[in-house]
Amino acid sequence: MKKHYLAIFLIYASFFISCLNQRDAFIPVPQDQRHIEFNSPIIIENIIESRDGTAAGNPQTLNLPVWLRAYINGGIDELEKMNSYIDKYVFVAHSEGINTAAMRRWAQNFSPVYDSIVLAASRIETRLTGLAHYYPDDEYGPFFESFMRKAFSSACMGAVKEDIYWLKMRGDNGISGTENYIYLILISIDKTTMQDTILNMMAETLQNVSLSSSQRNAVHRMQNNFFEGF
């Protein structure tokens, strides 16, 4: 009898251990969180000074550009609702620190075509994982890794540097006792241009990977829905 119970215990223990060794279930990114990493890092109450003047004790009175106020209040989503950018995808690059000379050089030398790659590719990756029902590298097979490698190495043709703006912040954005600066670069790209670029990258990737029928079907479903809410 003891041997019988021991055998049952070993069977259950083996099953439990095998479950632990499997991957955790993949939870897709909720659609209303698709731009969470693109939200503004700025707390307006902590602004001391800006490119256009000092806060004079009340940051709400600052003469900030309309695009920056929209970004602070609602991130990229709010920016893309503006009439000026209704037909564009918008990105905001930012650098934070105390060395204003270095950040100024970074902003001036920033290439929207080549230095926006990480911003664009990160947004693409977020959309891909958000559409996946489980692990994207399983659902899309080798397409996922190959496509993302292409996205992170492709130029953002047509991207334009719209504006450069700086803010002086109270205490490391209000956390510590050292004042620091945030430099922001507003970048836009025509929606049609970027969509064509992405679709071409997808087509090229599909030609160069071997997929199972289920993986190929998953990629086609993803393609059909990719730009809804992108």
C-alpha atoms as a PDB file:
ATOM      1  CA  MET A   1       0.000   0.000   0.000  1.00  0.00           C
ATOM      2  CA  LYS A   2       2.832   2.411   0.870  1.00  0.00           C
ATOM      3  CA  LYS A   3       4.455   1.662  -2.494  1.00  0.00           C
ATOM      4  CA  HIS A   4       1.100   2.380  -4.205  1.00  0.00           C
ATOM      5  CA  TYR A   5       0.781   5.817  -2.576  1.00  0.00           C
ATOM      6  CA  LEU A   6       4.431   6.556  -3.324  1.00  0.00           C
ATOM      7  CA  ALA A   7       3.880   5.802  -7.005  1.00  0.00           C
ATOM      8  CA  ILE A   8       0.847   8.099  -7.138  1.00  0.00           C
ATOM      9  CA  PHE A   9       2.817  10.848  -5.369  1.00  0.00           C
ATOM     10  CA  LEU A  10       5.677  10.566  -7.845  1.00  0.00           C
ATOM     11  CA  ILE A  11       3.276  10.774 -10.803  1.00  0.00           C
ATOM     12  CA  TYR A  12       1.663  13.957  -9.462  1.00  0.00           C
ATOM     13  CA  ALA A  13       5.040  15.452  -8.521  1.00  0.00           C
ATOM     14  CA  SER A  14       6.373  14.792 -12.010  1.00  0.00           C
ATOM     15  CA  PHE A  15       3.277  16.408 -13.560  1.00  0.00           C
ATOM     16  CA  PHE A  16       3.589  19.464 -11.285  1.00  0.00           C
ATOM     17  CA  ILE A  17       7.266  19.958 -12.080  1.00  0.00           C
ATOM     18  CA  SER A  18       6.613  19.662 -15.816  1.00  0.00           C
ATOM     19  CA  CYS A  19       3.957  22.379 -15.524  1.00  0.00           C
ATOM     20  CA  LEU A  20       6.386  24.665 -13.741  1.00  0.00           C
ATOM     21  CA  ASN A  21       8.873  24.225 -16.555  1.00  0.00           C
ATOM     22  CA  GLN A  22       6.371  25.355 -19.156  1.00  0.00           C
ATOM     23  CA  ARG A  23       6.059  29.026 -20.109  1.00  0.00           C
ATOM     24  CA  ASP A  24       3.535  31.143 -18.304  1.00  0.00           C
ATOM     25  CA  ALA A  25       0.482  31.977 -20.400  1.00  0.00           C
ATOM     26  CA  PHE A  26       1.030  35.087 -22.478  1.00  0.00           C
ATOM     27  CA  ILE A  27      -1.344  37.944 -21.668  1.00  0.00           C
ATOM     28  CA  PRO A  28      -1.780  40.341 -24.593  1.00  0.00           C
ATOM     29  CA  VAL A  29      -1.414  44.083 -24.029  1.00  0.00           C
ATOM     30  CA  PRO A  30      -4.903  45.589 -23.511  1.00  0.00           C
ATOM     31  CA  GLN A  31      -5.845  47.826 -26.427  1.00  0.00           C
ATOM     32  CA  ASP A  32      -6.299  50.897 -24.242  1.00  0.00           C
ATOM     33  CA  GLN A  33      -2.727  50.439 -23.009  1.00  0.00           C
ATOM     34  CA  ARG A  34      -1.128  50.244 -26.450  1.00  0.00           C
ATOM     35  CA  HIS A  35       0.737  53.543 -26.019  1.00  0.00           C
ATOM     36  CA  ILE A  36       1.556  53.272 -22.327  1.00  0.00           C
ATOM     37  CA  GLU A  37       5.310  53.479 -22.937  1.00  0.00           C
ATOM     38  CA  PHE A  38       4.765  56.555 -25.089  1.00  0.00           C
ATOM     39  CA  ASN A  39       3.033  58.585 -22.393  1.00  0.00           C
ATOM     40  CA  SER A  40       4.499  61.852 -21.162  1.00  0.00           C
ATOM     41  CA  PRO A  41       7.201  61.674 -18.432  1.00  0.00           C
ATOM     42  CA  ILE A  42       6.370  65.244 -17.370  1.00  0.00           C
ATOM     43  CA  ILE A  43       4.575  66.437 -14.251  1.00  0.00           C
ATOM     44  CA  ILE A  44       3.491  69.963 -15.108  1.00  0.00           C
ATOM     45  CA  GLU A  45       3.495  71.138 -11.482  1.00  0.00           C
ATOM     46  CA  ASN A  46       7.256  70.512 -11.360  1.00  0.00           C
ATOM     47  CA  ILE A  47       8.148  72.825 -14.267  1.00  0.00           C
ATOM     48  CA  ILE A  48      10.252  75.793 -13.163  1.00  0.00           C
ATOM     49  CA  GLU A  49      11.200  77.229 -16.526  1.00  0.00           C
ATOM     50  CA  SER A  50      10.769  76.526 -20.224  1.00  0.00           C
ATOM     51  CA  ARG A  51      12.163  77.609 -23.562  1.00  0.00           C
ATOM     52  CA  ASP A  52       9.582  80.418 -23.525  1.00  0.00           C
ATOM     53  CA  GLY A  53      10.039  81.705 -19.981  1.00  0.00           C
ATOM     54  CA  THR A  54       9.783  80.998 -16.257  1.00  0.00           C
ATOM     55  CA  ALA A  55       6.803  79.556 -14.443  1.00  0.00           C
ATOM     56  CA  ALA A  56       6.689  82.525 -12.014  1.00  0.00           C
ATOM     57  CA  GLY A  57       5.373  80.276  -9.265  1.00  0.00           C
ATOM     58  CA  ASN A  58       2.510  78.906 -11.360  1.00  0.00           C
ATOM     59  CA  PRO A  59       3.409  76.305 -14.021  1.00  0.00           C
ATOM     60  CA  GLN A  60      -0.125  76.483 -15.437  1.00  0.00           C
ATOM     61  CA  THR A  61       0.640  79.991 -16.744  1.00  0.00           C
ATOM     62  CA  LEU A  62       3.560  78.800 -18.875  1.00  0.00           C
ATOM     63  CA  ASN A  63       3.250  79.590 -22.557  1.00  0.00           C
ATOM     64  CA  LEU A  64       3.793  75.996 -23.684  1.00  0.00           C
ATOM     65  CA  PRO A  65       3.224  74.900 -27.296  1.00  0.00           C
ATOM     66  CA  VAL A  66      -0.162  73.336 -27.951  1.00  0.00           C
ATOM     67  CA  TRP A  67       1.445  70.019 -28.908  1.00  0.00           C
ATOM     68  CA  LEU A  68       3.383  69.855 -25.642  1.00  0.00           C
ATOM     69  CA  ARG A  69       0.317  70.553 -23.513  1.00  0.00           C
ATOM     70  CA  ALA A  70      -1.535  67.818 -25.366  1.00  0.00           C
ATOM     71  CA  TYR A  71       1.385  65.433 -24.810  1.00  0.00           C
ATOM     72  CA  ILE A  72       1.611  66.243 -21.096  1.00  0.00           C
ATOM     73  CA  ASN A  73      -2.127  65.790 -20.633  1.00  0.00           C
ATOM     74  CA  GLY A  74      -2.694  62.665 -22.693  1.00  0.00           C
ATOM     75  CA  GLY A  75       0.497  61.315 -24.223  1.00  0.00           C
ATOM     76  CA  ILE A  76       0.816  60.299 -27.859  1.00  0.00           C
ATOM     77  CA  ASP A  77      -2.870  59.420 -28.143  1.00  0.00           C
ATOM     78  CA  GLU A  78      -3.874  62.992 -27.326  1.00  0.00           C
ATOM     79  CA  LEU A  79      -1.293  64.420 -29.717  1.00  0.00           C
ATOM     80  CA  GLU A  80      -2.597  62.380 -32.630  1.00  0.00           C
ATOM     81  CA  LYS A  81      -6.129  63.686 -32.045  1.00  0.00           C
ATOM     82  CA  MET A  82      -4.996  67.212 -32.906  1.00  0.00           C
ATOM     83  CA  ASN A  83      -6.053  68.501 -36.325  1.00  0.00           C
ATOM     84  CA  SER A  84      -2.412  69.165 -37.193  1.00  0.00           C
ATOM     85  CA  TYR A  85      -1.530  65.476 -36.825  1.00  0.00           C
ATOM     86  CA  ILE A  86      -4.757  63.712 -37.757  1.00  0.00           C
ATOM     87  CA  ASP A  87      -3.080  62.177 -40.830  1.00  0.00           C
ATOM     88  CA  LYS A  88       0.262  61.547 -39.168  1.00  0.00           C
ATOM     89  CA  TYR A  89       1.887  59.232 -36.659  1.00  0.00           C
ATOM     90  CA  VAL A  90       3.649  61.180 -33.935  1.00  0.00           C
ATOM     91  CA  PHE A  91       6.599  60.328 -31.710  1.00  0.00           C
ATOM     92  CA  VAL A  92       8.285  62.277 -28.926  1.00  0.00           C
ATOM     93  CA  ALA A  93      11.923  61.588 -28.095  1.00  0.00           C
ATOM     94  CA  HIS A  94      13.194  62.958 -24.798  1.00  0.00           C
ATOM     95  CA  SER A  95      16.433  63.252 -22.881  1.00  0.00           C
ATOM     96  CA  GLU A  96      16.697  64.143 -19.203  1.00  0.00           C
ATOM     97  CA  GLY A  97      19.634  65.353 -17.109  1.00  0.00           C
ATOM     98  CA  ILE A  98      21.657  68.330 -15.898  1.00  0.00           C
ATOM     99  CA  ASN A  99      24.107  68.678 -18.813  1.00  0.00           C
ATOM    100  CA  THR A 100      22.154  71.077 -21.010  1.00  0.00           C
ATOM    101  CA  ALA A 101      25.009  71.486 -23.504  1.00  0.00           C
ATOM    102  CA  ALA A 102      25.065  67.742 -24.223  1.00  0.00           C
ATOM    103  CA  MET A 103      21.278  67.539 -24.515  1.00  0.00           C
ATOM    104  CA  ARG A 104      21.199  70.556 -26.809  1.00  0.00           C
ATOM    105  CA  ARG A 105      23.721  68.875 -29.119  1.00  0.00           C
ATOM    106  CA  TRP A 106      21.703  65.653 -28.979  1.00  0.00           C
ATOM    107  CA  ALA A 107      18.536  67.502 -29.991  1.00  0.00           C
ATOM    108  CA  GLN A 108      20.202  69.491 -32.765  1.00  0.00           C
ATOM    109  CA  ASN A 109      21.924  66.409 -34.219  1.00  0.00           C
ATOM    110  CA  PHE A 110      18.890  64.133 -33.852  1.00  0.00           C
ATOM    111  CA  SER A 111      18.014  62.602 -37.216  1.00  0.00           C
ATOM    112  CA  PRO A 112      14.270  61.938 -37.504  1.00  0.00           C
ATOM    113  CA  VAL A 113      14.897  59.400 -40.272  1.00  0.00           C
ATOM    114  CA  TYR A 114      17.527  57.340 -38.449  1.00  0.00           C
ATOM    115  CA  ASP A 115      17.217  58.173 -34.747  1.00  0.00           C
ATOM    116  CA  SER A 116      13.450  57.600 -34.616  1.00  0.00           C
ATOM    117  CA  ILE A 117      13.868  53.921 -35.428  1.00  0.00           C
ATOM    118  CA  VAL A 118      13.674  52.726 -31.816  1.00  0.00           C
ATOM    119  CA  LEU A 119      10.524  54.750 -31.145  1.00  0.00           C
ATOM    120  CA  ALA A 120       8.789  53.447 -34.257  1.00  0.00           C
ATOM    121  CA  ALA A 121       9.934  49.840 -33.799  1.00  0.00           C
ATOM    122  CA  SER A 122       8.860  49.819 -30.147  1.00  0.00           C
ATOM    123  CA  ARG A 123       5.405  50.952 -31.185  1.00  0.00           C
ATOM    124  CA  ILE A 124       5.291  48.227 -33.842  1.00  0.00           C
ATOM    125  CA  GLU A 125       6.340  45.597 -31.295  1.00  0.00           C
ATOM    126  CA  THR A 126       3.680  46.750 -28.834  1.00  0.00           C
ATOM    127  CA  ARG A 127       1.023  46.410 -31.535  1.00  0.00           C
ATOM    128  CA  LEU A 128       2.206  42.953 -32.563  1.00  0.00           C
ATOM    129  CA  THR A 129       2.198  41.586 -29.027  1.00  0.00           C
ATOM    130  CA  GLY A 130      -1.153  43.246 -28.361  1.00  0.00           C
ATOM    131  CA  LEU A 131      -2.724  41.355 -31.265  1.00  0.00           C
ATOM    132  CA  ALA A 132      -1.216  38.009 -30.274  1.00  0.00           C
ATOM    133  CA  HIS A 133      -3.351  35.545 -28.341  1.00  0.00           C
ATOM    134  CA  TYR A 134      -0.290  33.962 -26.706  1.00  0.00           C
ATOM    135  CA  TYR A 135       3.488  34.181 -27.162  1.00  0.00           C
ATOM    136  CA  PRO A 136       4.079  36.134 -30.406  1.00  0.00           C
ATOM    137  CA  ASP A 137       7.183  34.134 -31.317  1.00  0.00           C
ATOM    138  CA  ASP A 138       5.035  30.976 -31.107  1.00  0.00           C
ATOM    139  CA  GLU A 139       1.934  32.408 -32.748  1.00  0.00           C
ATOM    140  CA  TYR A 140       3.809  34.118 -35.609  1.00  0.00           C
ATOM    141  CA  GLY A 141       6.747  31.723 -35.639  1.00  0.00           C
ATOM    142  CA  PRO A 142      10.079  33.004 -37.016  1.00  0.00           C
ATOM    143  CA  PHE A 143       8.197  35.863 -38.686  1.00  0.00           C
ATOM    144  CA  PHE A 144       8.078  37.750 -35.370  1.00  0.00           C
ATOM    145  CA  GLU A 145      11.818  37.827 -34.682  1.00  0.00           C
ATOM    146  CA  SER A 146      12.741  38.421 -38.317  1.00  0.00           C
ATOM    147  CA  PHE A 147      10.209  41.229 -38.741  1.00  0.00           C
ATOM    148  CA  MET A 148      11.221  42.962 -35.504  1.00  0.00           C
ATOM    149  CA  ARG A 149      14.894  42.733 -36.470  1.00  0.00           C
ATOM    150  CA  LYS A 150      13.995  44.462 -39.738  1.00  0.00           C
ATOM    151  CA  ALA A 151      11.900  47.092 -37.917  1.00  0.00           C
ATOM    152  CA  PHE A 152      14.746  47.980 -35.553  1.00  0.00           C
ATOM    153  CA  SER A 153      17.192  48.377 -38.433  1.00  0.00           C
ATOM    154  CA  SER A 154      15.074  50.226 -41.005  1.00  0.00           C
ATOM    155  CA  ALA A 155      15.094  53.974 -41.515  1.00  0.00           C
ATOM    156  CA  CYS A 156      11.931  55.987 -40.859  1.00  0.00           C
ATOM    157  CA  MET A 157      11.723  57.461 -44.331  1.00  0.00           C
ATOM    158  CA  GLY A 158       9.623  60.622 -44.415  1.00  0.00           C
ATOM    159  CA  ALA A 159       9.975  61.347 -40.698  1.00  0.00           C
ATOM    160  CA  VAL A 160      10.183  65.058 -39.873  1.00  0.00           C
ATOM    161  CA  LYS A 161      11.559  66.844 -36.805  1.00  0.00           C
ATOM    162  CA  GLU A 162       8.724  69.267 -36.028  1.00  0.00           C
ATOM    163  CA  ASP A 163      10.003  70.972 -32.898  1.00  0.00           C
ATOM    164  CA  ILE A 164      12.583  70.940 -30.111  1.00  0.00           C
ATOM    165  CA  TYR A 165      11.569  72.107 -26.661  1.00  0.00           C
ATOM    166  CA  TRP A 166      13.187  72.126 -23.256  1.00  0.00           C
ATOM    167  CA  LEU A 167      11.872  72.314 -19.711  1.00  0.00           C
ATOM    168  CA  LYS A 168      13.647  72.964 -16.437  1.00  0.00           C
ATOM    169  CA  MET A 169      12.200  70.722 -13.741  1.00  0.00           C
ATOM    170  CA  ARG A 170      12.096  70.953  -9.987  1.00  0.00           C
ATOM    171  CA  GLY A 171      14.168  68.263  -8.261  1.00  0.00           C
ATOM    172  CA  ASP A 172      14.663  65.488 -10.795  1.00  0.00           C
ATOM    173  CA  ASN A 173      11.046  65.759 -11.876  1.00  0.00           C
ATOM    174  CA  GLY A 174      10.017  66.404  -8.292  1.00  0.00           C
ATOM    175  CA  ILE A 175      11.649  63.386  -6.684  1.00  0.00           C
ATOM    176  CA  SER A 176      15.048  64.562  -5.445  1.00  0.00           C
ATOM    177  CA  GLY A 177      16.622  67.884  -4.582  1.00  0.00           C
ATOM    178  CA  THR A 178      18.494  68.546  -7.823  1.00  0.00           C
ATOM    179  CA  GLU A 179      17.029  70.621 -10.621  1.00  0.00           C
ATOM    180  CA  ASN A 180      17.305  69.072 -14.044  1.00  0.00           C
ATOM    181  CA  TYR A 181      16.234  69.549 -17.649  1.00  0.00           C
ATOM    182  CA  ILE A 182      14.119  67.619 -20.122  1.00  0.00           C
ATOM    183  CA  TYR A 183      14.666  68.095 -23.842  1.00  0.00           C
ATOM    184  CA  LEU A 184      11.837  66.927 -26.089  1.00  0.00           C
ATOM    185  CA  ILE A 185      11.798  66.383 -29.843  1.00  0.00           C
ATOM    186  CA  LEU A 186       8.491  66.191 -31.680  1.00  0.00           C
ATOM    187  CA  ILE A 187       8.633  63.881 -34.713  1.00  0.00           C
ATOM    188  CA  SER A 188       5.906  63.200 -37.242  1.00  0.00           C
ATOM    189  CA  ILE A 189       5.544  60.937 -40.241  1.00  0.00           C
ATOM    190  CA  ASP A 190       2.744  60.726 -42.791  1.00  0.00           C
ATOM    191  CA  LYS A 191       0.438  57.785 -42.004  1.00  0.00           C
ATOM    192  CA  THR A 192       0.354  56.505 -45.568  1.00  0.00           C
ATOM    193  CA  THR A 193       4.150  56.602 -45.802  1.00  0.00           C
ATOM    194  CA  MET A 194       4.661  54.690 -42.575  1.00  0.00           C
ATOM    195  CA  GLN A 195       1.926  52.166 -43.330  1.00  0.00           C
ATOM    196  CA  ASP A 196       3.452  51.442 -46.737  1.00  0.00           C
ATOM    197  CA  THR A 197       6.865  50.984 -45.116  1.00  0.00           C
ATOM    198  CA  ILE A 198       5.492  48.549 -42.533  1.00  0.00           C
ATOM    199  CA  LEU A 199       3.488  46.570 -45.102  1.00  0.00           C
ATOM    200  CA  ASN A 200       6.561  46.272 -47.329  1.00  0.00           C
ATOM    201  CA  MET A 201       8.635  45.019 -44.394  1.00  0.00           C
ATOM    202  CA  MET A 202       5.944  42.450 -43.605  1.00  0.00           C
ATOM    203  CA  ALA A 203       5.842  41.259 -47.218  1.00  0.00           C
ATOM    204  CA  GLU A 204       9.640  40.970 -47.419  1.00  0.00           C
ATOM    205  CA  THR A 205       9.739  39.087 -44.122  1.00  0.00           C
ATOM    206  CA  LEU A 206       7.042  36.627 -45.227  1.00  0.00           C
ATOM    207  CA  GLN A 207       9.073  35.809 -48.331  1.00  0.00           C
ATOM    208  CA  ASN A 208      12.108  34.872 -46.247  1.00  0.00           C
ATOM    209  CA  VAL A 209      10.709  32.716 -43.432  1.00  0.00           C
ATOM    210  CA  SER A 210       9.217  29.247 -43.261  1.00  0.00           C
ATOM    211  CA  LEU A 211       5.944  29.127 -41.336  1.00  0.00           C
ATOM    212  CA  SER A 212       3.407  26.493 -40.481  1.00  0.00           C
ATOM    213  CA  SER A 213      -0.095  26.971 -41.886  1.00  0.00           C
ATOM    214  CA  SER A 214      -1.382  28.139 -38.478  1.00  0.00           C
ATOM    215  CA  GLN A 215       1.469  30.631 -38.100  1.00  0.00           C
ATOM    216  CA  ARG A 216       0.922  31.983 -41.615  1.00  0.00           C
ATOM    217  CA  ASN A 217      -2.795  32.374 -40.916  1.00  0.00           C
ATOM    218  CA  ALA A 218      -1.982  34.198 -37.672  1.00  0.00           C
ATOM    219  CA  VAL A 219       0.318  36.606 -39.543  1.00  0.00           C
ATOM    220  CA  HIS A 220      -2.392  37.317 -42.127  1.00  0.00           C
ATOM    221  CA  ARG A 221      -4.939  38.008 -39.380  1.00  0.00           C
ATOM    222  CA  MET A 222      -2.464  40.340 -37.720  1.00  0.00           C
ATOM    223  CA  GLN A 223      -1.849  42.175 -41.013  1.00  0.00           C
ATOM    224  CA  ASN A 224      -5.576  42.745 -41.535  1.00  0.00           C
ATOM    225  CA  ASN A 225      -5.961  44.373 -38.111  1.00  0.00           C
ATOM    226  CA  PHE A 226      -2.545  45.916 -37.542  1.00  0.00           C
ATOM    227  CA  PHE A 227      -3.350  49.573 -38.222  1.00  0.00           C
ATOM    228  CA  GLU A 228      -6.627  49.668 -36.263  1.00  0.00           C
ATOM    229  CA  GLY A 229      -5.571  51.557 -33.169  1.00  0.00           C
ATOM    230  CA  PHE A 230      -1.875  51.523 -34.099  1.00  0.00           C
END
